[in-house]
C-alpha cells in the first residue's frame, strides 16, 4: 500500500484542526478562521468542509485498501481549494506574510502539500491487492 492516502488523511485532519487555530495575528490580537466566520461565513465553511472532504476521501482510500486516480484528482482539487481560500482572505493592506497566524500557515502549507501528494497519486495510483 502506498502511503499517499495516509498522508492525505493526516493533512485533511490537520486542516480541519487549523480552522480553529489563530488565523490572523496582529500584535497581541489573534482570531481563528472560525471566529472570522461572522464577517465572512462562506470561506470558513468552504475551508472546513474541504478539509473534512479531503480527510473523508483519503479515509475511504484507506478503508478500501486502494487509492484510485479519481480519488487523487478529487483530493488535488480539494487541496488547491483549501490553499486558494486561505490565501484569498488576505489583502495587500494586510499581506499573508505579515498577519498570517499559525492556522493560516498550516492551511496554506497543508493544502499545497495535499495537492502535491495527490499528483503523486494521479501519476501512479494505488491499485491495492488483487485476489
N, C-alpha and C. Protein backbone atom coordinates (compact mmCIF):
# COMPACT_ATOMS: atom_id res chain seq x y z
N UNK A 1 0.84 -1.19 0.00
CA UNK A 1 0.00 0.00 0.00
C UNK A 1 0.88 1.24 0.00
N UNK A 2 0.54 2.17 -0.86
CA UNK A 2 1.28 3.42 -0.94
C UNK A 2 0.85 4.35 0.19
N UNK A 3 1.78 5.14 0.72
CA UNK A 3 1.45 6.00 1.86
C UNK A 3 0.72 7.28 1.49
N UNK A 4 0.45 7.54 0.22
CA UNK A 4 -0.19 8.79 -0.18
C UNK A 4 -1.53 8.99 0.52
N UNK A 5 -2.32 7.95 0.59
CA UNK A 5 -3.64 8.09 1.21
C UNK A 5 -3.54 8.38 2.71
N UNK A 6 -2.51 7.86 3.37
CA UNK A 6 -2.31 8.14 4.78
C UNK A 6 -1.85 9.59 4.99
N UNK A 7 -0.99 10.06 4.10
CA UNK A 7 -0.54 11.45 4.15
C UNK A 7 -1.72 12.39 3.97
N UNK A 8 -2.57 12.10 2.99
CA UNK A 8 -3.73 12.95 2.74
C UNK A 8 -4.74 12.90 3.88
N UNK A 9 -4.90 11.75 4.50
CA UNK A 9 -5.79 11.63 5.66
C UNK A 9 -5.28 12.52 6.80
N UNK A 10 -3.98 12.46 7.06
CA UNK A 10 -3.40 13.29 8.12
C UNK A 10 -3.50 14.78 7.78
N UNK A 11 -3.27 15.13 6.51
CA UNK A 11 -3.37 16.54 6.11
C UNK A 11 -4.80 17.06 6.22
N UNK A 12 -5.78 16.24 5.86
CA UNK A 12 -7.18 16.65 5.99
C UNK A 12 -7.56 16.91 7.44
N UNK A 13 -7.12 16.03 8.33
CA UNK A 13 -7.39 16.21 9.75
C UNK A 13 -6.67 17.45 10.29
N UNK A 14 -5.43 17.65 9.85
CA UNK A 14 -4.66 18.82 10.28
C UNK A 14 -5.32 20.11 9.81
N UNK A 15 -5.81 20.13 8.58
CA UNK A 15 -6.50 21.32 8.06
C UNK A 15 -7.78 21.60 8.84
N UNK A 16 -8.52 20.56 9.18
CA UNK A 16 -9.75 20.75 9.95
C UNK A 16 -9.46 21.34 11.32
N UNK A 17 -8.37 20.91 11.93
CA UNK A 17 -7.97 21.47 13.23
C UNK A 17 -7.48 22.90 13.06
N UNK A 18 -6.77 23.19 11.96
CA UNK A 18 -6.19 24.52 11.74
C UNK A 18 -7.25 25.60 11.59
N UNK A 19 -8.47 25.25 11.21
CA UNK A 19 -9.55 26.23 11.11
C UNK A 19 -9.81 26.87 12.48
N UNK A 20 -9.53 26.15 13.54
CA UNK A 20 -9.80 26.64 14.89
C UNK A 20 -8.56 27.24 15.57
N UNK A 21 -7.42 27.24 14.89
CA UNK A 21 -6.20 27.86 15.41
C UNK A 21 -6.15 29.32 14.97
N UNK A 22 -5.27 30.14 15.58
CA UNK A 22 -5.20 31.56 15.18
C UNK A 22 -4.91 31.72 13.69
N UNK A 23 -5.84 32.35 12.98
CA UNK A 23 -5.73 32.55 11.54
C UNK A 23 -5.04 33.87 11.24
N UNK A 24 -5.41 34.89 11.99
CA UNK A 24 -4.83 36.22 11.83
C UNK A 24 -4.20 36.59 13.16
N UNK A 25 -2.98 37.11 13.08
CA UNK A 25 -2.27 37.52 14.29
C UNK A 25 -1.65 38.89 14.04
N UNK A 26 -2.25 39.90 14.66
CA UNK A 26 -1.76 41.27 14.53
C UNK A 26 -1.41 41.76 15.93
N UNK A 27 -0.13 41.76 16.23
CA UNK A 27 0.31 42.14 17.57
C UNK A 27 -0.27 41.19 18.60
N UNK A 28 -0.90 41.74 19.64
CA UNK A 28 -1.49 40.86 20.66
C UNK A 28 -2.86 40.30 20.27
N UNK A 29 -3.43 40.77 19.17
CA UNK A 29 -4.75 40.31 18.75
C UNK A 29 -4.63 39.10 17.83
N UNK A 30 -5.42 38.08 18.13
CA UNK A 30 -5.46 36.88 17.31
C UNK A 30 -6.92 36.48 17.10
N UNK A 31 -7.20 35.95 15.92
CA UNK A 31 -8.55 35.47 15.63
C UNK A 31 -8.43 34.22 14.77
N UNK A 32 -9.22 33.22 15.10
CA UNK A 32 -9.21 32.00 14.31
C UNK A 32 -10.11 32.19 13.09
N UNK A 33 -9.95 31.31 12.11
CA UNK A 33 -10.79 31.34 10.92
C UNK A 33 -12.24 31.12 11.34
N UNK A 34 -12.44 30.29 12.33
CA UNK A 34 -13.79 30.01 12.83
C UNK A 34 -14.41 31.26 13.43
N UNK A 35 -13.63 32.06 14.15
CA UNK A 35 -14.15 33.30 14.72
C UNK A 35 -14.44 34.33 13.64
N UNK A 36 -13.73 34.28 12.53
CA UNK A 36 -13.94 35.23 11.44
C UNK A 36 -15.15 34.89 10.58
N UNK A 37 -15.81 33.77 10.86
CA UNK A 37 -16.96 33.35 10.06
C UNK A 37 -18.11 34.34 10.17
N UNK A 38 -18.14 35.13 11.24
CA UNK A 38 -19.20 36.11 11.39
C UNK A 38 -19.08 37.21 10.34
N UNK A 39 -17.83 37.54 9.96
CA UNK A 39 -17.62 38.54 8.92
C UNK A 39 -17.78 37.95 7.53
N UNK A 40 -17.19 36.76 7.31
CA UNK A 40 -17.27 36.06 6.02
C UNK A 40 -17.49 34.59 6.31
N UNK A 41 -18.71 34.15 6.24
CA UNK A 41 -19.04 32.76 6.58
C UNK A 41 -18.63 31.77 5.49
N UNK A 42 -18.82 32.14 4.24
CA UNK A 42 -18.58 31.19 3.14
C UNK A 42 -17.15 30.66 3.11
N UNK A 43 -16.11 31.50 3.17
CA UNK A 43 -14.75 30.95 3.11
C UNK A 43 -14.44 30.02 4.28
N UNK A 44 -14.96 30.34 5.44
CA UNK A 44 -14.72 29.50 6.61
C UNK A 44 -15.31 28.11 6.40
N UNK A 45 -16.54 28.06 5.96
CA UNK A 45 -17.19 26.77 5.77
C UNK A 45 -16.62 26.01 4.57
N UNK A 46 -16.18 26.72 3.55
CA UNK A 46 -15.54 26.06 2.41
C UNK A 46 -14.23 25.41 2.87
N UNK A 47 -13.44 26.13 3.65
CA UNK A 47 -12.17 25.57 4.15
C UNK A 47 -12.42 24.39 5.08
N UNK A 48 -13.40 24.50 5.96
CA UNK A 48 -13.69 23.41 6.89
C UNK A 48 -14.25 22.19 6.16
N UNK A 49 -15.21 22.40 5.28
CA UNK A 49 -15.79 21.28 4.54
C UNK A 49 -14.78 20.67 3.56
N UNK A 50 -13.93 21.51 2.97
CA UNK A 50 -12.88 20.99 2.10
C UNK A 50 -11.89 20.13 2.87
N UNK A 51 -11.56 20.54 4.08
CA UNK A 51 -10.66 19.76 4.94
C UNK A 51 -11.29 18.42 5.32
N UNK A 52 -12.55 18.47 5.70
CA UNK A 52 -13.24 17.23 6.06
C UNK A 52 -13.42 16.31 4.86
N UNK A 53 -13.68 16.90 3.69
CA UNK A 53 -13.80 16.09 2.47
C UNK A 53 -12.47 15.46 2.10
N UNK A 54 -11.37 16.20 2.26
CA UNK A 54 -10.04 15.66 1.99
C UNK A 54 -9.77 14.47 2.90
N UNK A 55 -10.06 14.63 4.17
CA UNK A 55 -9.88 13.51 5.11
C UNK A 55 -10.83 12.37 4.79
N UNK A 56 -12.04 12.68 4.37
CA UNK A 56 -13.02 11.64 4.05
C UNK A 56 -12.63 10.82 2.83
N UNK A 57 -12.19 11.47 1.77
CA UNK A 57 -11.78 10.75 0.56
C UNK A 57 -10.55 9.89 0.85
N UNK A 58 -9.58 10.47 1.56
CA UNK A 58 -8.39 9.70 1.92
C UNK A 58 -8.75 8.55 2.86
N UNK A 59 -9.66 8.78 3.79
CA UNK A 59 -10.11 7.71 4.69
C UNK A 59 -10.82 6.60 3.93
N UNK A 60 -11.57 6.97 2.90
CA UNK A 60 -12.21 5.97 2.05
C UNK A 60 -11.15 5.12 1.33
N UNK A 61 -10.09 5.78 0.88
CA UNK A 61 -8.99 5.06 0.25
C UNK A 61 -8.30 4.11 1.21
N UNK A 62 -8.15 4.53 2.45
CA UNK A 62 -7.55 3.66 3.48
C UNK A 62 -8.47 2.48 3.75
N UNK A 63 -9.76 2.74 3.88
CA UNK A 63 -10.72 1.67 4.18
C UNK A 63 -10.83 0.66 3.04
N UNK A 64 -10.80 1.14 1.80
CA UNK A 64 -10.91 0.25 0.65
C UNK A 64 -9.60 -0.46 0.34
N UNK A 65 -8.50 0.09 0.82
CA UNK A 65 -7.20 -0.51 0.55
C UNK A 65 -6.61 -0.08 -0.78
N UNK A 66 -7.24 0.88 -1.45
CA UNK A 66 -6.69 1.37 -2.71
C UNK A 66 -7.09 2.83 -2.89
N UNK A 67 -6.23 3.55 -3.59
CA UNK A 67 -6.44 4.97 -3.82
C UNK A 67 -6.38 5.20 -5.32
N UNK A 68 -7.52 5.39 -5.95
CA UNK A 68 -7.63 5.45 -7.40
C UNK A 68 -7.28 6.83 -7.94
N UNK A 69 -7.19 6.91 -9.26
CA UNK A 69 -6.91 8.20 -9.90
C UNK A 69 -8.04 9.19 -9.65
N UNK A 70 -9.27 8.72 -9.63
CA UNK A 70 -10.40 9.61 -9.35
C UNK A 70 -10.32 10.21 -7.96
N UNK A 71 -9.95 9.39 -7.00
CA UNK A 71 -9.77 9.89 -5.64
C UNK A 71 -8.63 10.91 -5.59
N UNK A 72 -7.55 10.61 -6.30
CA UNK A 72 -6.39 11.51 -6.32
C UNK A 72 -6.76 12.84 -6.98
N UNK A 73 -7.55 12.79 -8.05
CA UNK A 73 -7.98 14.03 -8.70
C UNK A 73 -8.85 14.86 -7.76
N UNK A 74 -9.75 14.19 -7.05
CA UNK A 74 -10.60 14.89 -6.11
C UNK A 74 -9.82 15.54 -4.98
N UNK A 75 -8.86 14.82 -4.43
CA UNK A 75 -8.07 15.39 -3.34
C UNK A 75 -7.15 16.49 -3.85
N UNK A 76 -6.71 16.43 -5.11
CA UNK A 76 -5.90 17.51 -5.68
C UNK A 76 -6.72 18.80 -5.74
N UNK A 77 -7.95 18.68 -6.19
CA UNK A 77 -8.83 19.85 -6.26
C UNK A 77 -9.11 20.39 -4.86
N UNK A 78 -9.37 19.51 -3.92
CA UNK A 78 -9.64 19.94 -2.54
C UNK A 78 -8.43 20.64 -1.93
N UNK A 79 -7.24 20.12 -2.18
CA UNK A 79 -6.03 20.76 -1.67
C UNK A 79 -5.84 22.16 -2.23
N UNK A 80 -6.09 22.32 -3.53
CA UNK A 80 -5.98 23.65 -4.14
C UNK A 80 -7.06 24.60 -3.63
N UNK A 81 -8.25 24.09 -3.41
CA UNK A 81 -9.34 24.93 -2.88
C UNK A 81 -8.98 25.43 -1.48
N UNK A 82 -8.47 24.55 -0.64
CA UNK A 82 -8.09 24.94 0.72
C UNK A 82 -7.00 26.01 0.67
N UNK A 83 -5.98 25.80 -0.16
CA UNK A 83 -4.88 26.77 -0.26
C UNK A 83 -5.38 28.10 -0.83
N UNK A 84 -6.22 28.04 -1.87
CA UNK A 84 -6.71 29.27 -2.50
C UNK A 84 -7.61 30.06 -1.56
N UNK A 85 -8.52 29.39 -0.88
CA UNK A 85 -9.41 30.07 0.07
C UNK A 85 -8.58 30.75 1.16
N UNK A 86 -7.54 30.07 1.60
CA UNK A 86 -6.70 30.65 2.65
C UNK A 86 -6.00 31.91 2.17
N UNK A 87 -5.35 31.86 1.03
CA UNK A 87 -4.57 33.00 0.56
C UNK A 87 -5.46 34.15 0.13
N UNK A 88 -6.67 33.86 -0.35
CA UNK A 88 -7.58 34.92 -0.79
C UNK A 88 -8.17 35.73 0.36
N UNK A 89 -8.00 35.28 1.59
CA UNK A 89 -8.53 36.01 2.74
C UNK A 89 -7.66 37.19 3.14
N UNK A 90 -6.49 37.28 2.53
CA UNK A 90 -5.57 38.37 2.85
C UNK A 90 -5.58 39.40 1.73
N UNK A 91 -5.33 40.65 2.08
CA UNK A 91 -5.36 41.74 1.11
C UNK A 91 -3.98 42.41 1.05
N UNK A 92 -3.77 43.28 0.07
CA UNK A 92 -2.48 44.00 0.02
C UNK A 92 -2.23 44.84 1.27
N UNK A 93 -3.30 45.33 1.88
CA UNK A 93 -3.14 46.13 3.10
C UNK A 93 -2.75 45.25 4.29
N UNK A 94 -3.16 44.00 4.28
CA UNK A 94 -2.84 43.04 5.34
C UNK A 94 -2.29 41.78 4.68
N UNK A 95 -1.04 41.81 4.23
CA UNK A 95 -0.48 40.66 3.48
C UNK A 95 -0.30 39.42 4.34
N UNK A 96 -0.32 38.29 3.67
CA UNK A 96 -0.19 37.00 4.33
C UNK A 96 1.07 36.94 5.18
N UNK A 97 2.18 37.39 4.64
CA UNK A 97 3.46 37.28 5.34
C UNK A 97 3.50 38.05 6.66
N UNK A 98 2.71 39.09 6.77
CA UNK A 98 2.77 39.93 7.98
C UNK A 98 1.72 39.59 9.02
N UNK A 99 0.53 39.16 8.61
CA UNK A 99 -0.54 38.98 9.58
C UNK A 99 -1.06 37.55 9.71
N UNK A 100 -0.50 36.64 8.94
CA UNK A 100 -0.98 35.25 9.00
C UNK A 100 -0.61 34.61 10.32
N UNK A 101 -1.57 33.96 10.92
CA UNK A 101 -1.34 33.22 12.15
C UNK A 101 -0.99 31.77 11.86
N UNK A 102 -0.86 31.00 12.90
CA UNK A 102 -0.50 29.59 12.77
C UNK A 102 -1.50 28.82 11.93
N UNK A 103 -2.78 29.04 12.15
CA UNK A 103 -3.81 28.33 11.40
C UNK A 103 -3.74 28.60 9.91
N UNK A 104 -3.51 29.85 9.52
CA UNK A 104 -3.41 30.20 8.11
C UNK A 104 -2.21 29.54 7.46
N UNK A 105 -1.09 29.53 8.16
CA UNK A 105 0.12 28.90 7.62
C UNK A 105 -0.07 27.40 7.46
N UNK A 106 -0.72 26.77 8.43
CA UNK A 106 -0.98 25.33 8.34
C UNK A 106 -1.94 25.04 7.19
N UNK A 107 -3.00 25.83 7.06
CA UNK A 107 -3.97 25.61 5.98
C UNK A 107 -3.32 25.75 4.61
N UNK A 108 -2.52 26.79 4.43
CA UNK A 108 -1.86 27.01 3.14
C UNK A 108 -0.86 25.90 2.85
N UNK A 109 -0.01 25.60 3.83
CA UNK A 109 1.00 24.57 3.63
C UNK A 109 0.40 23.19 3.42
N UNK A 110 -0.57 22.83 4.22
CA UNK A 110 -1.18 21.51 4.10
C UNK A 110 -1.99 21.39 2.81
N UNK A 111 -2.62 22.47 2.38
CA UNK A 111 -3.34 22.44 1.11
C UNK A 111 -2.40 22.21 -0.06
N UNK A 112 -1.27 22.90 -0.06
CA UNK A 112 -0.29 22.72 -1.14
C UNK A 112 0.38 21.36 -1.10
N UNK A 113 0.72 20.88 0.09
CA UNK A 113 1.31 19.54 0.22
C UNK A 113 0.29 18.48 -0.19
N UNK A 114 -0.97 18.70 0.16
CA UNK A 114 -2.03 17.78 -0.25
C UNK A 114 -2.17 17.73 -1.76
N UNK A 115 -2.03 18.88 -2.42
CA UNK A 115 -2.08 18.92 -3.88
C UNK A 115 -0.93 18.11 -4.48
N UNK A 116 0.28 18.32 -3.96
CA UNK A 116 1.46 17.61 -4.47
C UNK A 116 1.32 16.10 -4.22
N UNK A 117 0.87 15.72 -3.05
CA UNK A 117 0.68 14.30 -2.75
C UNK A 117 -0.38 13.69 -3.66
N UNK A 118 -1.40 14.45 -3.97
CA UNK A 118 -2.44 13.96 -4.87
C UNK A 118 -1.91 13.77 -6.28
N UNK A 119 -1.03 14.64 -6.71
CA UNK A 119 -0.41 14.49 -8.03
C UNK A 119 0.38 13.19 -8.07
N UNK A 120 1.06 12.85 -6.98
CA UNK A 120 1.76 11.57 -6.90
C UNK A 120 0.76 10.42 -7.06
N UNK A 121 -0.39 10.55 -6.43
CA UNK A 121 -1.44 9.53 -6.57
C UNK A 121 -2.02 9.47 -7.98
N UNK A 122 -2.05 10.60 -8.67
CA UNK A 122 -2.52 10.62 -10.05
C UNK A 122 -1.53 9.94 -10.99
N UNK A 123 -0.26 10.19 -10.76
CA UNK A 123 0.76 9.63 -11.63
C UNK A 123 0.84 8.11 -11.50
N UNK A 124 0.83 7.66 -10.26
CA UNK A 124 0.92 6.23 -10.02
C UNK A 124 -0.10 5.85 -8.94
N UNK A 125 -1.33 5.51 -9.34
CA UNK A 125 -2.37 5.20 -8.35
C UNK A 125 -2.09 3.90 -7.62
N UNK A 126 -2.67 3.81 -6.44
CA UNK A 126 -2.54 2.61 -5.61
C UNK A 126 -3.61 1.63 -6.07
N UNK A 127 -3.21 0.55 -6.65
CA UNK A 127 -4.18 -0.42 -7.19
C UNK A 127 -4.70 -1.39 -6.14
N UNK A 128 -4.04 -1.47 -5.00
CA UNK A 128 -4.47 -2.40 -3.95
C UNK A 128 -4.10 -3.81 -4.28
N UNK A 129 -4.53 -4.71 -3.45
CA UNK A 129 -4.23 -6.12 -3.66
C UNK A 129 -5.30 -6.73 -4.55
N UNK A 130 -4.88 -7.52 -5.50
CA UNK A 130 -5.83 -8.23 -6.35
C UNK A 130 -5.88 -9.67 -5.94
N UNK A 131 -7.07 -10.23 -5.89
CA UNK A 131 -7.24 -11.61 -5.44
C UNK A 131 -7.14 -12.58 -6.58
